[in-house]
C-alpha atoms as a PDB file:
ATOM      1  CA  MET A   1      79.180 -48.509 -37.024  1.00  0.00           C
ATOM      2  CA  ASP A   2      82.756 -48.204 -37.345  1.00  0.00           C
ATOM      3  CA  GLU A   3      85.419 -48.246 -34.478  1.00  0.00           C
ATOM      4  CA  ASP A   4      86.687 -44.979 -35.519  1.00  0.00           C
ATOM      5  CA  ARG A   5      83.008 -43.355 -35.856  1.00  0.00           C
ATOM      6  CA  LEU A   6      82.011 -45.238 -32.373  1.00  0.00           C
ATOM      7  CA  ASN A   7      85.545 -43.483 -31.029  1.00  0.00           C
ATOM      8  CA  MET A   8      84.431 -39.638 -32.428  1.00  0.00           C
ATOM      9  CA  GLU A   9      80.922 -39.945 -30.639  1.00  0.00           C
ATOM     10  CA  ILE A  10      82.069 -41.244 -27.445  1.00  0.00           C
ATOM     11  CA  ARG A  11      84.639 -38.107 -27.415  1.00  0.00           C
ATOM     12  CA  LYS A  12      81.973 -36.091 -28.003  1.00  0.00           C
ATOM     13  CA  PHE A  13      79.545 -37.234 -25.445  1.00  0.00           C
ATOM     14  CA  LEU A  14      82.793 -36.861 -22.932  1.00  0.00           C
ATOM     15  CA  LYS A  15      84.201 -33.544 -23.908  1.00  0.00           C
ATOM     16  CA  GLU A  16      80.585 -32.503 -23.728  1.00  0.00           C
ATOM     17  CA  VAL A  17      80.145 -33.910 -20.339  1.00  0.00           C
ATOM     18  CA  GLY A  18      83.828 -32.271 -19.187  1.00  0.00           C
ATOM     19  CA  VAL A  19      83.165 -29.060 -20.733  1.00  0.00           C
ATOM     20  CA  THR A  20      79.334 -28.738 -19.034  1.00  0.00           C
ATOM     21  CA  SER A  21      80.177 -29.814 -15.553  1.00  0.00           C
ATOM     22  CA  GLN A  22      83.535 -27.766 -15.335  1.00  0.00           C
ATOM     23  CA  ARG A  23      80.935 -24.860 -15.804  1.00  0.00           C
ATOM     24  CA  GLU A  24      78.633 -26.106 -13.388  1.00  0.00           C
ATOM     25  CA  ILE A  25      81.292 -26.444 -10.966  1.00  0.00           C
ATOM     26  CA  GLU A  26      83.275 -23.112 -11.612  1.00  0.00           C
ATOM     27  CA  ARG A  27      79.485 -21.731 -11.447  1.00  0.00           C
ATOM     28  CA  VAL A  28      78.351 -23.248  -7.652  1.00  0.00           C
ATOM     29  CA  LEU A  29      82.056 -21.869  -6.824  1.00  0.00           C
ATOM     30  CA  ARG A  30      81.279 -18.041  -8.053  1.00  0.00           C
ATOM     31  CA  GLU A  31      78.150 -17.910  -6.223  1.00  0.00           C
ATOM     32  CA  GLY A  32      79.659 -19.016  -3.233  1.00  0.00           C
ATOM     33  CA  SER A  33      77.156 -21.978  -2.611  1.00  0.00           C
ATOM     34  CA  ILE A  34      79.617 -24.441  -1.314  1.00  0.00           C
ATOM     35  CA  LYS A  35      79.881 -24.965   2.814  1.00  0.00           C
ATOM     36  CA  GLY A  36      83.420 -25.840   3.926  1.00  0.00           C
ATOM     37  CA  SER A  37      86.638 -25.862   2.728  1.00  0.00           C
ATOM     38  CA  THR A  38      85.844 -29.056  -0.063  1.00  0.00           C
ATOM     39  CA  LEU A  39      84.014 -29.640  -2.673  1.00  0.00           C
ATOM     40  CA  HIS A  40      82.662 -33.050  -2.250  1.00  0.00           C
ATOM     41  CA  LEU A  41      81.617 -34.295  -6.436  1.00  0.00           C
ATOM     42  CA  LYS A  42      79.842 -37.809  -8.088  1.00  0.00           C
ATOM     43  CA  MET A  43      79.377 -38.375 -11.364  1.00  0.00           C
ATOM     44  CA  VAL A  44      77.416 -41.128 -12.378  1.00  0.00           C
ATOM     45  CA  LEU A  45      77.362 -42.733 -15.832  1.00  0.00           C
ATOM     46  CA  THR A  46      73.579 -44.891 -16.646  1.00  0.00           C
ATOM     47  CA  SER A  47      71.875 -45.692 -19.494  1.00  0.00           C
ATOM     48  CA  LYS A  48      68.412 -46.173 -20.216  1.00  0.00           C
ATOM     49  CA  ASP A  49      69.260 -48.802 -23.012  1.00  0.00           C
ATOM     50  CA  VAL A  50      71.334 -50.491 -20.657  1.00  0.00           C
ATOM     51  CA  PRO A  51      69.855 -50.563 -17.399  1.00  0.00           C
ATOM     52  CA  SER A  52      73.151 -52.960 -16.377  1.00  0.00           C
ATOM     53  CA  LEU A  53      75.637 -49.782 -16.857  1.00  0.00           C
ATOM     54  CA  GLU A  54      76.711 -47.658 -13.872  1.00  0.00           C
ATOM     55  CA  HIS A  55      79.986 -46.047 -13.497  1.00  0.00           C
ATOM     56  CA  VAL A  56      80.469 -43.913 -10.324  1.00  0.00           C
ATOM     57  CA  VAL A  57      83.091 -41.416 -10.051  1.00  0.00           C
ATOM     58  CA  GLU A  58      83.334 -39.556  -6.843  1.00  0.00           C
ATOM     59  CA  HIS A  59      86.444 -36.881  -6.310  1.00  0.00           C
ATOM     60  CA  GLU A  60      87.105 -33.948  -3.803  1.00  0.00           C
ATOM     61  CA  ILE A  61      88.060 -30.592  -4.850  1.00  0.00           C
ATOM     62  CA  LYS A  62      89.630 -28.390  -1.703  1.00  0.00           C
ATOM     63  CA  VAL A  63      88.414 -24.842  -2.623  1.00  0.00           C
ATOM     64  CA  ALA A  64      90.410 -23.049   0.424  1.00  0.00           C
END
C-alpha cells in the first residue's frame, strides 16, 4: 500500500472513531446518565493483529 493510500485509510478510521464517539458522548449527556459534573473518558486503541499495540487516551469533560 502506498503512503498516500495508507494515510487516507487511517484518516477514514479516525473520522469514524471521532464521529461515533461524539454521538455516544452526546447521547449519554442527553439521557442524563452522568453522575456528577465531570465525565471521565478513556479511549483504548488495540489491534487483534498486533498484540503489542495499546494506545490509551484519557480525558475529563466538565459538564456542569
